[in-house]
N, C-alpha and C. Protein backbone atom coordinates (compact mmCIF):
# COMPACT_ATOMS: atom_id res chain seq x y z
N MET A 1 45.52 -9.21 88.58
CA MET A 1 44.48 -9.25 87.55
C MET A 1 45.09 -8.89 86.19
N GLU A 2 44.83 -9.71 85.21
CA GLU A 2 45.41 -9.48 83.89
C GLU A 2 44.69 -8.34 83.20
N GLU A 3 45.47 -7.39 82.64
CA GLU A 3 44.90 -6.25 81.96
C GLU A 3 44.36 -6.66 80.58
N THR A 4 43.23 -6.07 80.23
CA THR A 4 42.66 -6.32 78.92
C THR A 4 43.41 -5.48 77.90
N PRO A 5 43.94 -6.08 76.84
CA PRO A 5 44.68 -5.29 75.85
C PRO A 5 43.79 -4.29 75.14
N LEU A 6 44.36 -3.13 74.83
CA LEU A 6 43.61 -2.11 74.11
C LEU A 6 43.37 -2.57 72.67
N PRO A 7 42.22 -2.21 72.10
CA PRO A 7 41.95 -2.62 70.73
C PRO A 7 42.92 -1.93 69.76
N THR A 8 43.29 -2.62 68.72
CA THR A 8 44.14 -2.04 67.69
C THR A 8 43.32 -1.81 66.44
N HIS A 9 43.72 -0.81 65.69
CA HIS A 9 42.99 -0.46 64.48
C HIS A 9 43.94 -0.47 63.30
N GLY A 10 43.41 -0.65 62.12
CA GLY A 10 44.23 -0.63 60.93
C GLY A 10 44.88 -1.97 60.65
N VAL A 11 45.99 -1.91 59.94
CA VAL A 11 46.68 -3.12 59.51
C VAL A 11 48.17 -2.99 59.75
N GLY A 12 48.84 -4.12 59.84
CA GLY A 12 50.28 -4.13 60.01
C GLY A 12 50.99 -4.00 58.67
N PRO A 13 52.28 -4.30 58.63
CA PRO A 13 53.03 -4.22 57.38
C PRO A 13 52.42 -5.11 56.30
N TRP A 14 52.66 -4.73 55.04
CA TRP A 14 52.12 -5.50 53.92
C TRP A 14 52.69 -6.93 53.98
N PRO A 15 51.83 -7.95 53.94
CA PRO A 15 52.31 -9.34 54.04
C PRO A 15 53.28 -9.70 52.91
N GLY A 16 54.33 -10.39 53.26
CA GLY A 16 55.24 -10.88 52.24
C GLY A 16 56.49 -10.07 52.04
N GLY A 17 56.56 -8.87 52.65
CA GLY A 17 57.76 -8.07 52.52
C GLY A 17 57.80 -7.25 51.25
N PRO A 18 58.88 -6.47 51.08
CA PRO A 18 59.01 -5.56 49.93
C PRO A 18 58.86 -6.23 48.57
N GLU A 19 59.23 -7.49 48.46
CA GLU A 19 59.14 -8.17 47.18
C GLU A 19 57.70 -8.28 46.67
N SER A 20 56.74 -8.22 47.60
CA SER A 20 55.34 -8.38 47.21
C SER A 20 54.57 -7.06 47.21
N TRP A 21 55.25 -5.95 47.44
CA TRP A 21 54.56 -4.66 47.46
C TRP A 21 53.92 -4.36 46.10
N PRO A 22 52.73 -3.75 46.11
CA PRO A 22 52.06 -3.42 44.85
C PRO A 22 52.84 -2.35 44.08
N ASP A 23 52.87 -2.51 42.78
CA ASP A 23 53.53 -1.54 41.90
C ASP A 23 52.51 -0.48 41.50
N ASP A 24 52.22 0.40 42.43
CA ASP A 24 51.16 1.40 42.26
C ASP A 24 51.61 2.67 42.96
N PRO A 25 51.69 3.80 42.26
CA PRO A 25 52.19 5.04 42.87
C PRO A 25 51.31 5.58 43.99
N ARG A 26 50.09 5.07 44.11
CA ARG A 26 49.21 5.55 45.19
C ARG A 26 49.65 5.02 46.55
N TYR A 27 50.44 3.97 46.58
CA TYR A 27 50.81 3.34 47.85
C TYR A 27 52.04 4.02 48.45
N ASP A 28 52.02 4.17 49.77
CA ASP A 28 53.10 4.80 50.53
C ASP A 28 54.06 3.70 51.02
N ARG A 29 55.31 3.79 50.61
CA ARG A 29 56.27 2.74 50.94
C ARG A 29 56.50 2.63 52.45
N GLU A 30 56.45 3.76 53.17
CA GLU A 30 56.63 3.71 54.62
C GLU A 30 55.47 2.98 55.29
N LEU A 31 54.25 3.24 54.81
CA LEU A 31 53.09 2.54 55.36
C LEU A 31 53.13 1.06 55.03
N LEU A 32 53.55 0.73 53.82
CA LEU A 32 53.68 -0.67 53.44
C LEU A 32 54.67 -1.39 54.35
N SER A 33 55.70 -0.68 54.75
CA SER A 33 56.74 -1.28 55.57
C SER A 33 56.35 -1.38 57.04
N GLU A 34 55.66 -0.34 57.56
CA GLU A 34 55.41 -0.26 58.99
C GLU A 34 53.96 -0.54 59.39
N GLY A 35 53.07 -0.55 58.43
CA GLY A 35 51.66 -0.73 58.75
C GLY A 35 50.91 0.58 58.68
N ASP A 36 49.58 0.50 58.62
CA ASP A 36 48.73 1.68 58.47
C ASP A 36 47.67 1.68 59.57
N ARG A 37 47.84 2.55 60.56
CA ARG A 37 46.91 2.64 61.69
C ARG A 37 46.01 3.88 61.59
N ARG A 38 45.94 4.49 60.44
CA ARG A 38 45.15 5.70 60.28
C ARG A 38 43.65 5.42 60.31
N ASN A 39 42.88 6.48 60.56
CA ASN A 39 41.43 6.38 60.58
C ASN A 39 40.89 6.54 59.16
N VAL A 40 41.14 5.52 58.33
CA VAL A 40 40.65 5.53 56.96
C VAL A 40 39.96 4.20 56.68
N VAL A 41 39.07 4.21 55.67
CA VAL A 41 38.39 2.97 55.30
C VAL A 41 39.41 2.02 54.66
N ASP A 42 39.07 0.75 54.64
CA ASP A 42 40.01 -0.27 54.17
C ASP A 42 40.46 -0.06 52.72
N ASP A 43 39.57 0.51 51.90
CA ASP A 43 39.95 0.73 50.50
C ASP A 43 41.15 1.65 50.35
N TYR A 44 41.40 2.47 51.37
CA TYR A 44 42.51 3.43 51.30
C TYR A 44 43.73 3.00 52.13
N ARG A 45 43.74 1.79 52.61
CA ARG A 45 44.88 1.33 53.40
C ARG A 45 46.16 1.37 52.56
N TYR A 46 47.19 1.91 53.15
CA TYR A 46 48.54 2.03 52.59
C TYR A 46 48.65 3.14 51.53
N TRP A 47 47.54 3.80 51.20
CA TRP A 47 47.62 4.88 50.21
C TRP A 47 48.27 6.11 50.83
N THR A 48 48.92 6.93 50.02
CA THR A 48 49.42 8.23 50.49
C THR A 48 48.22 9.15 50.74
N MET A 49 48.42 10.15 51.58
CA MET A 49 47.35 11.10 51.84
C MET A 49 46.95 11.82 50.55
N GLU A 50 47.93 12.18 49.73
CA GLU A 50 47.65 12.89 48.48
C GLU A 50 46.80 12.03 47.54
N ALA A 51 47.08 10.74 47.50
CA ALA A 51 46.31 9.85 46.64
C ALA A 51 44.87 9.72 47.13
N ILE A 52 44.69 9.68 48.45
CA ILE A 52 43.34 9.60 49.01
C ILE A 52 42.54 10.85 48.68
N VAL A 53 43.16 12.02 48.89
CA VAL A 53 42.47 13.28 48.60
C VAL A 53 42.10 13.36 47.13
N ALA A 54 43.00 12.96 46.24
CA ALA A 54 42.71 12.99 44.81
C ALA A 54 41.54 12.08 44.46
N ASP A 55 41.48 10.92 45.08
CA ASP A 55 40.38 10.00 44.81
C ASP A 55 39.06 10.56 45.34
N LEU A 56 39.09 11.17 46.53
CA LEU A 56 37.89 11.80 47.08
C LEU A 56 37.44 12.95 46.19
N ASP A 57 38.40 13.74 45.70
CA ASP A 57 38.05 14.89 44.86
C ASP A 57 37.32 14.47 43.60
N ALA A 58 37.59 13.27 43.12
CA ALA A 58 36.98 12.80 41.89
C ALA A 58 35.50 12.42 42.08
N LYS A 59 35.06 12.31 43.33
CA LYS A 59 33.68 11.85 43.55
C LYS A 59 32.95 12.60 44.66
N ARG A 60 33.45 13.78 45.05
CA ARG A 60 32.79 14.53 46.12
C ARG A 60 31.36 14.91 45.74
N HIS A 61 30.51 15.00 46.75
CA HIS A 61 29.12 15.41 46.54
C HIS A 61 29.04 16.92 46.35
N PRO A 62 28.00 17.41 45.70
CA PRO A 62 27.92 18.85 45.41
C PRO A 62 27.38 19.73 46.54
N PHE A 63 27.16 19.17 47.72
CA PHE A 63 26.73 20.03 48.83
C PHE A 63 27.96 20.48 49.63
N HIS A 64 27.87 21.70 50.17
CA HIS A 64 28.91 22.27 51.02
C HIS A 64 28.37 22.40 52.43
N VAL A 65 29.28 22.56 53.38
CA VAL A 65 28.91 22.76 54.78
C VAL A 65 29.59 24.03 55.27
N ALA A 66 28.84 24.89 55.95
CA ALA A 66 29.40 26.12 56.50
C ALA A 66 29.08 26.20 57.99
N ILE A 67 30.00 26.78 58.75
CA ILE A 67 29.85 26.86 60.20
C ILE A 67 30.28 28.24 60.67
N GLU A 68 29.44 28.89 61.46
CA GLU A 68 29.85 30.16 62.08
C GLU A 68 30.81 29.85 63.24
N ASN A 69 31.85 30.66 63.36
CA ASN A 69 32.89 30.39 64.36
C ASN A 69 33.21 31.67 65.13
N TRP A 70 32.24 32.16 65.87
CA TRP A 70 32.46 33.37 66.65
C TRP A 70 32.98 33.04 68.05
N GLN A 71 32.69 31.86 68.57
CA GLN A 71 33.02 31.52 69.95
C GLN A 71 34.03 30.37 70.05
N HIS A 72 34.73 30.06 68.98
CA HIS A 72 35.69 28.94 68.98
C HIS A 72 34.99 27.65 69.43
N ASP A 73 33.89 27.36 68.77
CA ASP A 73 33.02 26.23 69.13
C ASP A 73 33.73 24.89 68.95
N LEU A 74 33.69 24.05 69.99
CA LEU A 74 34.34 22.75 69.93
C LEU A 74 33.66 21.79 68.96
N ASN A 75 32.42 22.09 68.58
CA ASN A 75 31.69 21.22 67.66
C ASN A 75 32.23 21.27 66.24
N ILE A 76 32.99 22.29 65.91
CA ILE A 76 33.43 22.47 64.53
C ILE A 76 34.23 21.26 64.05
N GLY A 77 35.14 20.77 64.88
CA GLY A 77 35.93 19.61 64.49
C GLY A 77 35.07 18.40 64.18
N SER A 78 34.05 18.17 64.99
CA SER A 78 33.15 17.04 64.76
C SER A 78 32.36 17.22 63.47
N ILE A 79 31.97 18.46 63.17
CA ILE A 79 31.24 18.72 61.92
C ILE A 79 32.14 18.48 60.72
N VAL A 80 33.40 18.87 60.82
CA VAL A 80 34.35 18.61 59.73
C VAL A 80 34.49 17.10 59.52
N ARG A 81 34.56 16.37 60.61
CA ARG A 81 34.67 14.91 60.51
C ARG A 81 33.45 14.32 59.80
N SER A 82 32.26 14.80 60.14
CA SER A 82 31.05 14.30 59.48
C SER A 82 31.02 14.72 58.01
N ALA A 83 31.50 15.93 57.73
CA ALA A 83 31.55 16.39 56.34
C ALA A 83 32.43 15.49 55.50
N ASN A 84 33.53 15.03 56.09
CA ASN A 84 34.39 14.08 55.41
C ASN A 84 33.67 12.74 55.21
N ALA A 85 32.98 12.28 56.25
CA ALA A 85 32.29 10.99 56.18
C ALA A 85 31.20 10.98 55.10
N PHE A 86 30.52 12.13 54.94
CA PHE A 86 29.44 12.21 53.96
C PHE A 86 29.91 12.83 52.64
N LEU A 87 31.23 13.04 52.51
CA LEU A 87 31.87 13.46 51.27
C LEU A 87 31.36 14.82 50.78
N ALA A 88 31.31 15.79 51.68
CA ALA A 88 30.95 17.15 51.30
C ALA A 88 32.01 17.74 50.38
N ALA A 89 31.60 18.61 49.50
CA ALA A 89 32.54 19.23 48.57
C ALA A 89 33.58 20.06 49.32
N GLU A 90 33.13 20.81 50.33
CA GLU A 90 34.02 21.71 51.04
C GLU A 90 33.37 22.14 52.35
N VAL A 91 34.20 22.50 53.32
CA VAL A 91 33.72 23.06 54.58
C VAL A 91 34.15 24.52 54.64
N HIS A 92 33.24 25.38 55.09
CA HIS A 92 33.51 26.82 55.15
C HIS A 92 33.43 27.28 56.62
N ILE A 93 34.49 27.89 57.09
CA ILE A 93 34.53 28.42 58.44
C ILE A 93 34.31 29.93 58.35
N ILE A 94 33.29 30.42 59.02
CA ILE A 94 32.94 31.84 58.96
C ILE A 94 33.29 32.49 60.30
N GLY A 95 34.10 33.54 60.27
CA GLY A 95 34.47 34.23 61.50
C GLY A 95 35.92 33.98 61.85
N LYS A 96 36.18 33.52 63.06
CA LYS A 96 37.55 33.26 63.49
C LYS A 96 38.20 32.22 62.59
N ARG A 97 39.45 32.50 62.23
CA ARG A 97 40.17 31.57 61.36
C ARG A 97 40.56 30.30 62.10
N ARG A 98 40.97 30.44 63.36
CA ARG A 98 41.40 29.28 64.13
C ARG A 98 40.18 28.52 64.67
N TRP A 99 40.26 27.22 64.63
CA TRP A 99 39.17 26.40 65.18
C TRP A 99 39.79 25.15 65.80
N ASN A 100 39.07 24.57 66.75
CA ASN A 100 39.57 23.41 67.48
C ASN A 100 39.50 22.17 66.61
N ARG A 101 40.67 21.64 66.23
CA ARG A 101 40.72 20.52 65.30
C ARG A 101 40.64 19.15 65.99
N ARG A 102 40.59 19.14 67.29
CA ARG A 102 40.63 17.86 68.00
C ARG A 102 39.50 16.93 67.57
N GLY A 103 38.29 17.47 67.47
CA GLY A 103 37.15 16.64 67.11
C GLY A 103 37.18 16.13 65.69
N ALA A 104 38.02 16.74 64.85
CA ALA A 104 38.09 16.31 63.46
C ALA A 104 38.80 14.98 63.30
N MET A 105 39.58 14.58 64.31
CA MET A 105 40.29 13.30 64.27
C MET A 105 41.12 13.15 62.98
N VAL A 106 41.79 14.22 62.61
CA VAL A 106 42.71 14.27 61.47
C VAL A 106 41.99 14.25 60.12
N THR A 107 40.66 14.18 60.10
CA THR A 107 39.95 14.13 58.82
C THR A 107 40.06 15.44 58.06
N ASP A 108 40.45 16.54 58.72
CA ASP A 108 40.62 17.81 58.01
C ASP A 108 41.76 17.73 56.99
N ARG A 109 42.63 16.75 57.12
CA ARG A 109 43.70 16.57 56.13
C ARG A 109 43.14 16.08 54.80
N TYR A 110 41.97 15.48 54.83
CA TYR A 110 41.36 14.92 53.63
C TYR A 110 40.16 15.75 53.15
N GLN A 111 39.83 16.81 53.90
CA GLN A 111 38.64 17.59 53.60
C GLN A 111 39.05 19.04 53.30
N HIS A 112 38.59 19.56 52.19
CA HIS A 112 38.89 20.95 51.85
C HIS A 112 38.16 21.89 52.81
N VAL A 113 38.89 22.82 53.38
CA VAL A 113 38.33 23.79 54.34
C VAL A 113 38.70 25.19 53.87
N ARG A 114 37.70 26.06 53.76
CA ARG A 114 37.89 27.44 53.31
C ARG A 114 37.45 28.40 54.41
N HIS A 115 38.13 29.51 54.56
CA HIS A 115 37.80 30.50 55.58
C HIS A 115 37.17 31.74 54.95
N HIS A 116 36.16 32.29 55.65
CA HIS A 116 35.54 33.56 55.25
C HIS A 116 35.55 34.49 56.47
N GLU A 117 35.92 35.74 56.27
CA GLU A 117 36.05 36.69 57.38
C GLU A 117 34.73 36.91 58.10
N ASP A 118 33.63 36.99 57.37
CA ASP A 118 32.33 37.26 57.97
C ASP A 118 31.23 36.70 57.08
N VAL A 119 29.99 36.86 57.54
CA VAL A 119 28.86 36.33 56.79
C VAL A 119 28.75 36.97 55.42
N ALA A 120 29.03 38.27 55.33
CA ALA A 120 28.93 38.97 54.05
C ALA A 120 29.88 38.37 53.02
N ALA A 121 31.11 38.09 53.44
CA ALA A 121 32.09 37.50 52.52
C ALA A 121 31.65 36.09 52.10
N PHE A 122 31.13 35.33 53.05
CA PHE A 122 30.64 33.98 52.75
C PHE A 122 29.47 34.03 51.78
N ALA A 123 28.51 34.92 52.05
CA ALA A 123 27.33 35.04 51.19
C ALA A 123 27.72 35.45 49.77
N ALA A 124 28.73 36.32 49.66
CA ALA A 124 29.19 36.75 48.33
C ALA A 124 29.81 35.57 47.58
N TRP A 125 30.57 34.75 48.30
CA TRP A 125 31.15 33.55 47.66
C TRP A 125 30.04 32.62 47.18
N ALA A 126 29.03 32.37 48.02
CA ALA A 126 27.95 31.45 47.66
C ALA A 126 27.18 31.97 46.46
N ALA A 127 26.95 33.29 46.41
CA ALA A 127 26.24 33.87 45.27
C ALA A 127 27.04 33.71 43.99
N GLU A 128 28.34 33.93 44.07
CA GLU A 128 29.20 33.78 42.88
C GLU A 128 29.22 32.33 42.41
N ALA A 129 29.13 31.39 43.36
CA ALA A 129 29.14 29.97 43.03
C ALA A 129 27.75 29.45 42.67
N SER A 130 26.74 30.33 42.71
CA SER A 130 25.35 29.96 42.42
C SER A 130 24.86 28.84 43.32
N LEU A 131 25.22 28.92 44.62
CA LEU A 131 24.80 27.92 45.59
C LEU A 131 23.84 28.54 46.59
N PRO A 132 22.60 28.03 46.69
CA PRO A 132 21.68 28.53 47.71
C PRO A 132 22.16 28.15 49.10
N ILE A 133 21.94 29.05 50.07
CA ILE A 133 22.32 28.81 51.46
C ILE A 133 21.10 28.35 52.23
N LEU A 134 21.20 27.19 52.88
CA LEU A 134 20.13 26.69 53.73
C LEU A 134 20.60 26.74 55.17
N ALA A 135 19.95 27.56 55.97
CA ALA A 135 20.29 27.67 57.39
C ALA A 135 19.64 26.53 58.16
N ILE A 136 20.37 25.98 59.11
CA ILE A 136 19.83 24.91 59.95
C ILE A 136 19.66 25.46 61.36
N ASP A 137 18.41 25.71 61.76
CA ASP A 137 18.14 26.28 63.08
C ASP A 137 16.65 26.13 63.38
N ASN A 138 16.32 25.98 64.64
CA ASN A 138 14.92 25.82 65.02
C ASN A 138 14.33 27.16 65.43
N VAL A 139 14.11 28.00 64.44
CA VAL A 139 13.53 29.33 64.66
C VAL A 139 12.16 29.38 64.00
N ASP A 140 11.41 30.42 64.29
CA ASP A 140 10.08 30.58 63.68
C ASP A 140 10.19 30.57 62.16
N GLY A 141 9.34 29.81 61.53
CA GLY A 141 9.32 29.74 60.08
C GLY A 141 10.20 28.65 59.48
N SER A 142 10.95 27.92 60.31
CA SER A 142 11.80 26.85 59.79
C SER A 142 10.94 25.66 59.37
N VAL A 143 11.44 24.90 58.39
CA VAL A 143 10.71 23.76 57.83
C VAL A 143 11.38 22.47 58.29
N PRO A 144 10.62 21.50 58.80
CA PRO A 144 11.22 20.22 59.20
C PRO A 144 12.01 19.59 58.07
N VAL A 145 13.18 19.04 58.39
CA VAL A 145 14.09 18.56 57.36
C VAL A 145 13.48 17.47 56.49
N ASP A 146 12.57 16.67 57.02
CA ASP A 146 11.96 15.62 56.21
C ASP A 146 11.01 16.17 55.16
N ARG A 147 10.59 17.44 55.32
CA ARG A 147 9.71 18.07 54.34
C ARG A 147 10.37 19.23 53.62
N ALA A 148 11.59 19.56 53.99
CA ALA A 148 12.27 20.72 53.42
C ALA A 148 12.87 20.40 52.06
N ASP A 149 13.02 21.44 51.26
CA ASP A 149 13.69 21.32 49.97
C ASP A 149 15.20 21.36 50.21
N LEU A 150 15.88 20.27 49.83
CA LEU A 150 17.34 20.22 49.94
C LEU A 150 17.90 20.07 48.54
N PRO A 151 18.26 21.17 47.89
CA PRO A 151 18.79 21.08 46.52
C PRO A 151 20.04 20.22 46.46
N GLU A 152 20.30 19.64 45.30
CA GLU A 152 21.48 18.81 45.15
C GLU A 152 22.76 19.62 45.36
N ALA A 153 22.79 20.81 44.81
CA ALA A 153 23.93 21.72 45.01
C ALA A 153 23.48 22.83 45.95
N CYS A 154 24.07 22.89 47.12
CA CYS A 154 23.66 23.88 48.11
C CYS A 154 24.74 24.00 49.19
N VAL A 155 24.53 24.94 50.11
CA VAL A 155 25.38 25.06 51.29
C VAL A 155 24.51 24.89 52.52
N LEU A 156 24.87 23.98 53.39
CA LEU A 156 24.17 23.77 54.66
C LEU A 156 24.90 24.58 55.72
N LEU A 157 24.22 25.55 56.29
CA LEU A 157 24.85 26.51 57.20
C LEU A 157 24.44 26.23 58.65
N PHE A 158 25.42 26.01 59.51
CA PHE A 158 25.18 25.69 60.92
C PHE A 158 25.74 26.77 61.82
N GLY A 159 25.11 26.93 62.99
CA GLY A 159 25.51 27.97 63.93
C GLY A 159 26.25 27.43 65.13
N GLN A 160 26.40 28.29 66.12
CA GLN A 160 27.12 27.96 67.34
C GLN A 160 26.27 27.09 68.27
N GLU A 161 26.95 26.33 69.09
CA GLU A 161 26.26 25.57 70.14
C GLU A 161 25.65 26.58 71.12
N GLY A 162 24.34 26.52 71.32
CA GLY A 162 23.68 27.44 72.25
C GLY A 162 22.93 28.53 71.51
N PRO A 163 23.62 29.60 71.08
CA PRO A 163 22.90 30.71 70.45
C PRO A 163 22.40 30.42 69.05
N GLY A 164 22.94 29.42 68.39
CA GLY A 164 22.51 29.12 67.03
C GLY A 164 23.09 30.10 66.03
N LEU A 165 22.39 30.28 64.93
CA LEU A 165 22.89 31.15 63.88
C LEU A 165 22.67 32.63 64.22
N SER A 166 23.55 33.46 63.72
CA SER A 166 23.44 34.90 63.92
C SER A 166 22.32 35.45 63.04
N PRO A 167 21.78 36.63 63.38
CA PRO A 167 20.76 37.24 62.51
C PRO A 167 21.27 37.47 61.09
N GLU A 168 22.55 37.81 60.95
CA GLU A 168 23.12 38.03 59.63
C GLU A 168 23.12 36.74 58.80
N ALA A 169 23.43 35.63 59.45
CA ALA A 169 23.45 34.35 58.75
C ALA A 169 22.05 33.95 58.31
N LEU A 170 21.07 34.11 59.19
CA LEU A 170 19.70 33.77 58.83
C LEU A 170 19.19 34.63 57.68
N ALA A 171 19.59 35.91 57.68
CA ALA A 171 19.17 36.80 56.61
C ALA A 171 19.79 36.43 55.27
N ALA A 172 20.97 35.82 55.30
CA ALA A 172 21.66 35.43 54.06
C ALA A 172 21.11 34.15 53.46
N ALA A 173 20.32 33.41 54.23
CA ALA A 173 19.83 32.11 53.78
C ALA A 173 18.56 32.25 52.95
N SER A 174 18.40 31.33 51.99
CA SER A 174 17.19 31.31 51.18
C SER A 174 16.10 30.46 51.81
N GLY A 175 16.47 29.70 52.85
CA GLY A 175 15.51 28.88 53.57
C GLY A 175 16.10 28.44 54.90
N VAL A 176 15.21 28.08 55.84
CA VAL A 176 15.65 27.65 57.16
C VAL A 176 15.04 26.27 57.44
N VAL A 177 15.89 25.35 57.86
CA VAL A 177 15.49 23.96 58.09
C VAL A 177 15.70 23.61 59.56
N GLU A 178 14.79 22.83 60.11
CA GLU A 178 14.94 22.36 61.49
C GLU A 178 14.83 20.84 61.53
N ILE A 179 15.28 20.26 62.64
CA ILE A 179 15.19 18.82 62.85
C ILE A 179 14.07 18.55 63.83
N THR A 180 13.12 17.74 63.44
CA THR A 180 12.00 17.42 64.32
C THR A 180 12.49 16.67 65.55
N GLN A 181 12.03 17.10 66.73
CA GLN A 181 12.41 16.46 67.98
C GLN A 181 11.15 16.05 68.75
N TYR A 182 11.33 15.10 69.67
CA TYR A 182 10.17 14.52 70.33
C TYR A 182 10.28 14.54 71.86
N GLY A 183 11.39 15.01 72.40
CA GLY A 183 11.56 15.03 73.84
C GLY A 183 11.38 16.42 74.41
N SER A 184 11.97 16.65 75.59
CA SER A 184 11.78 17.92 76.29
C SER A 184 12.83 18.97 75.96
N THR A 185 13.99 18.55 75.40
CA THR A 185 15.04 19.52 75.13
C THR A 185 14.69 20.39 73.93
N ARG A 186 15.09 21.65 73.98
CA ARG A 186 14.75 22.58 72.91
C ARG A 186 15.61 22.33 71.67
N SER A 187 16.83 21.85 71.86
CA SER A 187 17.73 21.68 70.71
C SER A 187 18.65 20.49 70.94
N ILE A 188 19.26 20.02 69.87
CA ILE A 188 20.25 18.96 69.99
C ILE A 188 21.63 19.54 69.70
N ASN A 189 22.65 18.79 70.04
CA ASN A 189 24.03 19.19 69.84
C ASN A 189 24.26 19.61 68.38
N ALA A 190 25.03 20.69 68.19
CA ALA A 190 25.25 21.24 66.85
C ALA A 190 25.89 20.21 65.91
N ALA A 191 26.87 19.46 66.42
CA ALA A 191 27.52 18.46 65.58
C ALA A 191 26.55 17.34 65.22
N SER A 192 25.69 16.96 66.16
CA SER A 192 24.70 15.92 65.88
C SER A 192 23.70 16.41 64.83
N ALA A 193 23.29 17.67 64.95
CA ALA A 193 22.35 18.24 63.97
C ALA A 193 22.96 18.24 62.57
N ALA A 194 24.24 18.58 62.49
CA ALA A 194 24.91 18.61 61.19
C ALA A 194 24.94 17.23 60.57
N ALA A 195 25.24 16.21 61.37
CA ALA A 195 25.29 14.84 60.85
C ALA A 195 23.92 14.39 60.35
N VAL A 196 22.86 14.76 61.07
CA VAL A 196 21.51 14.37 60.67
C VAL A 196 21.16 14.96 59.31
N VAL A 197 21.44 16.24 59.13
CA VAL A 197 21.07 16.91 57.88
C VAL A 197 21.93 16.41 56.71
N MET A 198 23.22 16.20 56.96
CA MET A 198 24.07 15.66 55.89
C MET A 198 23.61 14.27 55.47
N TYR A 199 23.23 13.45 56.44
CA TYR A 199 22.74 12.12 56.11
C TYR A 199 21.45 12.21 55.30
N GLU A 200 20.57 13.14 55.66
CA GLU A 200 19.32 13.30 54.93
C GLU A 200 19.59 13.71 53.48
N TRP A 201 20.57 14.61 53.29
CA TRP A 201 20.93 14.99 51.93
C TRP A 201 21.39 13.74 51.16
N CYS A 202 22.27 12.94 51.75
CA CYS A 202 22.78 11.74 51.09
C CYS A 202 21.67 10.73 50.82
N ARG A 203 20.75 10.61 51.76
CA ARG A 203 19.64 9.67 51.58
C ARG A 203 18.82 10.04 50.34
N ARG A 204 18.65 11.33 50.10
CA ARG A 204 17.84 11.76 48.96
C ARG A 204 18.60 11.69 47.64
N TRP A 205 19.85 12.07 47.66
CA TRP A 205 20.58 12.26 46.42
C TRP A 205 21.55 11.13 46.07
N ARG A 206 21.87 10.27 47.04
CA ARG A 206 22.84 9.20 46.75
C ARG A 206 22.29 7.84 47.13
């Protein structure tokens, strides 16, 4: 039985050889020569990583994403990936410095990530930056995301898979937002919840 070939992604070497390479410092000569199989949109094909980050920095959205990291949650990588997809200004890891990068699919190379020792340090940073903290959790008093106030400049704070946000994190927030659900499960996956709220922010502001 003939095996089905695995799908390929990206592009091969620049057509035409070195003589036809673009005269643009953003392009990586090694990628032009060997092809670009990275997980980037077509507009960034053959660009250096530094050039991509610089271009993203010029147009990042003013919302930030923060994640509590007390249990080395595997969802953190996926949230970083979504933050990159929705062009968040920065991702903030609260608690343990180390986090599982597998789910990020290398997007953390293009996304600014900052570490805070604890909630108090994170809250102090947000206050200095004049950014309101919006906690995302389905607790008493939370407002459905379709009716919640999502300021243009803010921090969206997400908790651990299972226990959700810590009491300290909820106390640091100026508001709590939840995602309306219609089935029998009490909550949805933390990474999925983050993507939903980031998309809602983009739908309103972009």
